[in-house]
N, C-alpha and C. Protein backbone atom coordinates (compact mmCIF):
# COMPACT_ATOMS: atom_id res chain seq x y z
N MET A 1 -22.15 -105.94 67.76
CA MET A 1 -22.02 -105.22 68.97
C MET A 1 -23.31 -104.45 69.13
N LYS A 2 -23.78 -104.38 70.38
CA LYS A 2 -25.06 -103.72 70.79
C LYS A 2 -24.92 -102.21 70.78
N PRO A 3 -25.90 -101.55 70.13
CA PRO A 3 -25.75 -100.03 70.22
C PRO A 3 -25.88 -99.48 71.59
N LEU A 4 -25.15 -98.44 71.84
CA LEU A 4 -25.18 -97.75 73.13
C LEU A 4 -26.52 -97.19 73.51
N SER A 5 -26.87 -97.25 74.74
CA SER A 5 -28.09 -96.71 75.17
C SER A 5 -27.92 -95.12 75.25
N PHE A 6 -29.02 -94.48 75.39
CA PHE A 6 -29.00 -93.08 75.48
C PHE A 6 -28.08 -92.59 76.60
N GLU A 7 -28.20 -93.25 77.75
CA GLU A 7 -27.38 -92.87 78.98
C GLU A 7 -25.96 -93.14 78.78
N GLU A 8 -25.59 -94.14 78.11
CA GLU A 8 -24.18 -94.52 77.78
C GLU A 8 -23.61 -93.44 76.77
N ARG A 9 -24.38 -93.18 75.75
CA ARG A 9 -24.00 -92.15 74.84
C ARG A 9 -23.78 -90.73 75.49
N LEU A 10 -24.79 -90.38 76.44
CA LEU A 10 -24.68 -89.17 77.12
C LEU A 10 -23.28 -89.06 78.01
N GLU A 11 -23.10 -90.17 78.68
CA GLU A 11 -21.90 -90.31 79.52
C GLU A 11 -20.60 -90.17 78.71
N LYS A 12 -20.63 -90.78 77.52
CA LYS A 12 -19.46 -90.72 76.71
C LYS A 12 -19.25 -89.28 76.18
N LEU A 13 -20.30 -88.58 75.81
CA LEU A 13 -20.24 -87.27 75.38
C LEU A 13 -19.76 -86.33 76.54
N GLU A 14 -20.30 -86.55 77.67
CA GLU A 14 -19.89 -85.78 78.92
C GLU A 14 -18.38 -86.00 79.17
N SER A 15 -17.93 -87.16 79.06
CA SER A 15 -16.51 -87.51 79.22
C SER A 15 -15.56 -86.82 78.25
N GLN A 16 -16.06 -86.87 76.97
CA GLN A 16 -15.28 -86.17 75.88
C GLN A 16 -15.33 -84.72 76.16
N ILE A 17 -16.37 -84.13 76.63
CA ILE A 17 -16.45 -82.69 76.80
C ILE A 17 -15.50 -82.27 77.97
N ALA A 18 -15.48 -83.06 78.98
CA ALA A 18 -14.59 -82.81 80.23
C ALA A 18 -13.18 -82.77 79.70
N PHE A 19 -12.85 -83.84 78.89
CA PHE A 19 -11.47 -83.89 78.40
C PHE A 19 -11.09 -82.74 77.55
N GLN A 20 -12.03 -82.27 76.62
CA GLN A 20 -11.72 -81.09 75.73
C GLN A 20 -11.61 -79.85 76.65
N ASP A 21 -12.45 -79.78 77.70
CA ASP A 21 -12.36 -78.51 78.51
C ASP A 21 -10.98 -78.46 79.22
N LYS A 22 -10.53 -79.58 79.66
CA LYS A 22 -9.14 -79.64 80.26
C LYS A 22 -8.19 -79.34 79.30
N SER A 23 -8.20 -79.89 78.12
CA SER A 23 -7.22 -79.62 77.07
C SER A 23 -7.20 -78.06 76.69
N ILE A 24 -8.42 -77.42 76.62
CA ILE A 24 -8.40 -76.11 76.29
C ILE A 24 -7.75 -75.20 77.40
N GLU A 25 -8.07 -75.57 78.63
CA GLU A 25 -7.46 -74.80 79.77
C GLU A 25 -5.91 -74.95 79.69
N GLU A 26 -5.38 -76.18 79.39
CA GLU A 26 -3.96 -76.33 79.32
C GLU A 26 -3.37 -75.58 78.10
N LEU A 27 -4.10 -75.52 77.02
CA LEU A 27 -3.63 -74.82 75.81
C LEU A 27 -3.65 -73.32 76.06
N GLU A 28 -4.64 -72.81 76.78
CA GLU A 28 -4.74 -71.46 77.20
C GLU A 28 -3.51 -71.01 77.98
N LEU A 29 -3.11 -71.82 78.96
CA LEU A 29 -1.89 -71.56 79.70
C LEU A 29 -0.68 -71.52 78.83
N ILE A 30 -0.59 -72.39 77.98
CA ILE A 30 0.64 -72.43 77.07
C ILE A 30 0.65 -71.26 76.15
N VAL A 31 -0.50 -70.84 75.63
CA VAL A 31 -0.55 -69.60 74.84
C VAL A 31 -0.18 -68.37 75.61
N THR A 32 -0.66 -68.28 76.85
CA THR A 32 -0.30 -67.14 77.72
C THR A 32 1.20 -67.15 77.93
N GLU A 33 1.75 -68.33 78.23
CA GLU A 33 3.19 -68.33 78.52
C GLU A 33 4.03 -67.91 77.30
N ASN A 34 3.53 -68.39 76.18
CA ASN A 34 4.24 -68.09 74.85
C ASN A 34 4.11 -66.66 74.51
N ARG A 35 2.95 -66.07 74.84
CA ARG A 35 2.77 -64.56 74.60
C ARG A 35 3.73 -63.79 75.51
N ASN A 36 3.85 -64.14 76.72
CA ASN A 36 4.77 -63.52 77.65
C ASN A 36 6.22 -63.62 77.18
N THR A 37 6.58 -64.76 76.69
CA THR A 37 7.97 -65.04 76.17
C THR A 37 8.17 -64.13 74.94
N ILE A 38 7.18 -64.08 74.05
CA ILE A 38 7.34 -63.28 72.86
C ILE A 38 7.47 -61.84 73.22
N ASP A 39 6.68 -61.37 74.19
CA ASP A 39 6.83 -59.94 74.60
C ASP A 39 8.23 -59.59 75.19
N LYS A 40 8.81 -60.52 75.98
CA LYS A 40 10.07 -60.28 76.50
C LYS A 40 11.09 -60.28 75.44
N LEU A 41 11.00 -61.22 74.46
CA LEU A 41 11.96 -61.40 73.33
C LEU A 41 11.88 -60.08 72.43
N GLN A 42 10.66 -59.57 72.32
CA GLN A 42 10.60 -58.36 71.48
C GLN A 42 11.22 -57.16 72.15
N LYS A 43 11.04 -57.11 73.44
CA LYS A 43 11.74 -55.97 74.27
C LYS A 43 13.26 -56.10 74.12
N GLN A 44 13.75 -57.38 74.34
CA GLN A 44 15.27 -57.54 74.23
C GLN A 44 15.72 -57.22 72.80
N LEU A 45 14.98 -57.67 71.79
CA LEU A 45 15.42 -57.31 70.39
C LEU A 45 15.39 -55.80 70.19
N HIS A 46 14.50 -55.14 70.70
CA HIS A 46 14.46 -53.64 70.57
C HIS A 46 15.64 -53.08 71.27
N LEU A 47 15.97 -53.47 72.37
CA LEU A 47 17.07 -52.97 73.16
C LEU A 47 18.48 -53.30 72.39
N LEU A 48 18.53 -54.50 71.90
CA LEU A 48 19.72 -54.87 71.16
C LEU A 48 19.92 -53.98 69.88
N GLY A 49 18.78 -53.66 69.18
CA GLY A 49 18.75 -52.85 68.03
C GLY A 49 19.18 -51.50 68.38
N GLU A 50 18.80 -50.93 69.50
CA GLU A 50 19.30 -49.60 69.98
C GLU A 50 20.72 -49.58 70.28
N ARG A 51 21.17 -50.68 70.93
CA ARG A 51 22.60 -50.74 71.25
C ARG A 51 23.46 -50.90 69.94
N LEU A 52 22.98 -51.61 69.00
CA LEU A 52 23.72 -51.72 67.67
C LEU A 52 23.72 -50.38 67.01
N GLN A 53 22.70 -49.74 66.97
CA GLN A 53 22.78 -48.34 66.37
C GLN A 53 23.73 -47.46 67.08
N GLU A 54 23.74 -47.38 68.41
CA GLU A 54 24.67 -46.64 69.23
C GLU A 54 26.07 -47.05 68.87
N THR A 55 26.36 -48.32 68.81
CA THR A 55 27.65 -48.80 68.52
C THR A 55 28.10 -48.44 67.07
N SER A 56 27.17 -48.50 66.15
CA SER A 56 27.49 -48.10 64.68
C SER A 56 27.79 -46.60 64.70
N ILE A 57 27.12 -45.82 65.43
CA ILE A 57 27.24 -44.38 65.39
C ILE A 57 28.59 -43.99 66.04
N LEU A 58 28.93 -44.70 67.18
CA LEU A 58 30.29 -44.50 67.82
C LEU A 58 31.38 -44.95 66.88
N ALA A 59 31.19 -46.12 66.23
CA ALA A 59 32.31 -46.54 65.31
C ALA A 59 32.44 -45.60 64.09
N ALA A 60 31.37 -45.04 63.63
CA ALA A 60 31.48 -44.04 62.53
C ALA A 60 32.27 -42.86 62.95
N VAL A 61 31.96 -42.37 64.18
CA VAL A 61 32.66 -41.17 64.68
C VAL A 61 34.17 -41.46 64.82
N SER A 62 34.50 -42.65 65.40
CA SER A 62 35.90 -42.96 65.65
C SER A 62 36.59 -43.10 64.44
N GLU A 63 35.97 -43.54 63.36
CA GLU A 63 36.59 -43.87 62.00
C GLU A 63 36.91 -42.49 61.35
N GLU A 64 36.19 -41.40 61.65
CA GLU A 64 36.40 -40.20 61.02
C GLU A 64 37.84 -39.67 61.33
N GLY A 65 38.41 -39.96 62.34
CA GLY A 65 39.73 -39.48 62.76
C GLY A 65 39.70 -38.02 63.13
N PRO A 66 40.83 -37.48 63.44
CA PRO A 66 40.93 -36.04 63.93
C PRO A 66 40.60 -35.08 62.78
N PRO A 67 40.08 -33.98 63.12
CA PRO A 67 39.75 -32.86 62.11
C PRO A 67 41.14 -32.52 61.39
N PRO A 68 41.08 -31.96 60.17
CA PRO A 68 42.20 -31.64 59.42
C PRO A 68 43.17 -30.59 60.04
N HIS A 69 42.66 -29.80 60.88
CA HIS A 69 43.64 -28.84 61.46
C HIS A 69 44.52 -29.32 62.46
N TYR A 70 44.53 -30.62 62.78
CA TYR A 70 45.40 -31.22 63.73
C TYR A 70 46.77 -31.52 63.10
């Protein structure tokens, strides 16, 4: 097989760089979407944790029963 000329090698490299640039842009979009999803999930988890604490506190109060003087 005949070695590639300088111009052919240059074109091949330019093509590879263009492909890599496109891939990087697509990956950046995916990373951004994932970051947004993670942020939303963290907020939901925090809210669920707060609700669980509130529910636990209410359950503890209701388990205490009426005061002894009743």
